[in-house]
Protein backbone atom coordinates (compact mmCIF):
# COMPACT_ATOMS: atom_id res chain seq x y z
CA UNK A 1 -4.55 21.77 5.29
CA UNK A 2 -1.23 23.04 3.91
CA UNK A 3 0.26 20.29 7.63
CA UNK A 4 -1.19 17.52 5.61
CA UNK A 5 0.27 17.91 2.24
CA UNK A 6 3.73 18.60 3.56
CA UNK A 7 2.95 14.98 5.32
CA UNK A 8 1.37 13.68 1.99
CA UNK A 9 4.73 15.20 0.02
CA UNK A 10 6.86 13.34 2.21
CA UNK A 11 5.14 9.78 2.01
CA UNK A 12 6.16 10.46 -1.56
CA UNK A 13 9.89 10.73 -0.75
CA UNK A 14 9.84 8.29 1.64
CA UNK A 15 8.33 6.16 -1.63
CA UNK A 16 10.35 7.48 -4.31
CA UNK A 17 7.38 8.57 -6.34
CA UNK A 18 5.58 11.88 -6.65
CA UNK A 19 1.91 11.36 -6.15
CA UNK A 20 -0.66 13.26 -9.14
CA UNK A 21 -4.06 12.88 -7.63
CA UNK A 22 -4.27 14.19 -4.56
CA UNK A 23 -8.07 12.86 -4.52
CA UNK A 24 -7.38 10.03 -5.11
CA UNK A 25 -4.07 8.97 -2.60
CA UNK A 26 -7.39 10.38 0.11
CA UNK A 27 -9.21 7.49 -0.40
CA UNK A 28 -5.83 5.47 -0.57
CA UNK A 29 -5.36 6.64 2.98
CA UNK A 30 -8.85 6.28 3.79
CA UNK A 31 -9.89 3.76 5.86
CA UNK A 32 -12.55 2.51 5.90
CA UNK A 33 -14.00 3.79 9.80
CA UNK A 34 -13.39 7.21 8.42
CA UNK A 35 -16.24 6.60 5.95
CA UNK A 36 -18.42 5.82 7.76
CA UNK A 37 -17.90 8.88 9.91
CA UNK A 38 -17.59 10.91 7.40
CA UNK A 39 -20.60 10.70 4.58
CA UNK A 40 -18.85 11.77 0.77
CA UNK A 41 -15.25 10.31 1.99
CA UNK A 42 -14.58 7.12 -0.07
CA UNK A 43 -12.76 4.19 1.44
CA UNK A 44 -9.55 2.90 0.41
CA UNK A 45 -11.43 -1.56 -0.36
CA UNK A 46 -11.18 -0.99 -3.96
CA UNK A 47 -7.88 0.86 -4.30
CA UNK A 48 -7.11 -2.27 -1.93
CA UNK A 49 -7.67 -4.70 -4.42
CA UNK A 50 -6.69 -3.32 -7.00
CA UNK A 51 -3.55 -2.59 -5.53
CA UNK A 52 -3.33 -6.27 -4.08
CA UNK A 53 -3.15 -7.46 -7.73
CA UNK A 54 -0.92 -4.92 -9.37
CA UNK A 55 1.40 -6.66 -6.04
CA UNK A 56 0.88 -10.15 -7.26
CA UNK A 57 1.45 -8.84 -10.43
CA UNK A 58 5.49 -7.71 -9.39
CA UNK A 59 6.35 -9.67 -6.93
CA UNK A 60 5.29 -13.49 -9.15
CA UNK A 61 6.98 -11.46 -11.90
CA UNK A 62 9.95 -11.27 -9.82
CA UNK A 63 10.94 -14.42 -8.67
CA UNK A 64 9.70 -16.10 -12.36
CA UNK A 65 13.23 -14.10 -12.64
CA UNK A 66 15.08 -15.00 -9.92
CA UNK A 67 14.19 -18.00 -10.39
CA UNK A 68 14.28 -19.24 -13.74
CA UNK A 69 12.73 -22.61 -13.67
CA UNK A 70 11.48 -23.15 -10.72
CA UNK A 71 8.07 -25.00 -10.28
CA UNK A 72 5.08 -23.46 -9.32
CA UNK A 73 5.03 -25.65 -5.94
CA UNK A 74 8.37 -23.28 -4.98
CA UNK A 75 7.87 -20.42 -5.90
CA UNK A 76 3.84 -19.96 -4.81
CA UNK A 77 4.94 -20.39 -0.83
CA UNK A 78 7.97 -17.52 -1.20
CA UNK A 79 5.23 -15.31 -3.10
CA UNK A 80 2.65 -15.78 -0.43
CA UNK A 81 5.64 -15.10 2.54
CA UNK A 82 6.20 -11.83 0.24
CA UNK A 83 2.71 -10.72 -0.25
CA UNK A 84 1.39 -11.93 3.37
CA UNK A 85 -0.46 -8.94 5.57
CA UNK A 86 2.46 -8.80 8.32
CA UNK A 87 5.13 -8.42 5.57
CA UNK A 88 2.70 -5.10 4.15
CA UNK A 89 2.45 -3.60 7.62
CA UNK A 90 5.73 -4.27 7.50
CA UNK A 91 6.45 -2.28 5.01
CA UNK A 92 3.58 0.24 5.52
CA UNK A 93 5.69 1.50 8.92
CA UNK A 94 8.86 1.11 7.17
CA UNK A 95 7.33 4.96 4.98
CA UNK A 96 5.18 5.93 7.86
CA UNK A 97 1.89 5.30 6.62
CA UNK A 98 0.19 4.66 9.80
CA UNK A 99 0.62 8.37 10.11
CA UNK A 100 -1.10 10.16 7.58
CA UNK A 101 -4.12 7.23 7.15
CA UNK A 102 -7.43 8.57 8.50
CA UNK A 103 -9.48 6.75 10.32
CA UNK A 104 -12.58 7.02 12.13
CA UNK A 105 -12.13 7.70 15.59
CA UNK A 106 -13.19 4.30 17.42
CA UNK A 107 -10.61 2.77 15.26
CA UNK A 108 -7.89 5.66 16.12
CA UNK A 109 -8.79 5.18 20.27
CA UNK A 110 -8.11 0.75 19.66
CA UNK A 111 -4.55 1.79 17.84
CA UNK A 112 -5.89 1.46 13.99
CA UNK A 113 -2.78 2.54 12.93
CA UNK A 114 -0.12 0.36 14.30
CA UNK A 115 -2.58 -2.88 13.42
CA UNK A 116 -1.59 -4.94 10.57
CA UNK A 117 -5.22 -5.70 8.16
CA UNK A 118 -5.55 -1.47 8.10
CA UNK A 119 -1.97 -0.70 7.14
CA UNK A 120 -1.73 -3.40 4.55
CA UNK A 121 -3.98 -2.00 3.08
CA UNK A 122 -3.27 1.27 2.59
CA UNK A 123 -0.54 -0.55 1.29
CA UNK A 124 -1.72 -2.09 -1.37
CA UNK A 125 -4.44 1.30 -2.50
CA UNK A 126 -1.26 3.33 -1.69
CA UNK A 127 1.06 0.87 -4.55
CA UNK A 128 -2.44 1.24 -6.45
CA UNK A 129 -2.22 4.68 -6.55
CA UNK A 130 1.09 4.14 -7.82
CA UNK A 131 0.42 2.18 -10.48
CA UNK A 132 -2.74 4.30 -11.83
CA UNK A 133 -0.11 7.67 -12.17
CA UNK A 134 2.58 6.14 -12.44
CA UNK A 135 2.60 2.84 -14.38
CA UNK A 136 3.67 -0.47 -13.57
CA UNK A 137 7.52 0.35 -13.73
CA UNK A 138 6.91 2.39 -11.08
CA UNK A 139 5.35 -0.05 -9.24
CA UNK A 140 8.32 -2.87 -9.73
CA UNK A 141 10.62 0.57 -8.05
CA UNK A 142 7.75 0.45 -4.72
CA UNK A 143 7.79 -2.80 -4.02
CA UNK A 144 11.88 -3.50 -5.28
CA UNK A 145 12.22 -0.55 -2.38
CA UNK A 146 10.76 -2.71 0.36
CA UNK A 147 11.20 -5.65 -0.88
CA UNK A 148 13.98 -8.30 0.37
CA UNK A 149 14.10 -10.55 -2.44
């Protein structure tokens, strides 16, 4: 466990955030394939749902401030590009999220830790934990540090 704790601490350092609830972070890093193989483990789906909403708010607010007077038709595609699975997977890879993900044996054998959908979902789940523990400002800082506006 100490090596795992070190890895999670290093993840926090790369994100610029000190996680408080190890169990909540562990859930954020747990793919459904792992949870299916380990009864009692919770997957990151519900946290990803929340993280998606937080991400949409943070990115939408930033774009609205960055482009005052822009129309919805201008802002929507820009937001969609920023919150795309490809982009989220890149952010997740940039902070080494794949190395700390808990995936099932089959998912691990097929490269699940590098799959776009797995990384994007995990990033959203981790962002939800940052939001829950540090509030909206912490989520804003995390996204701002990764985004290329």
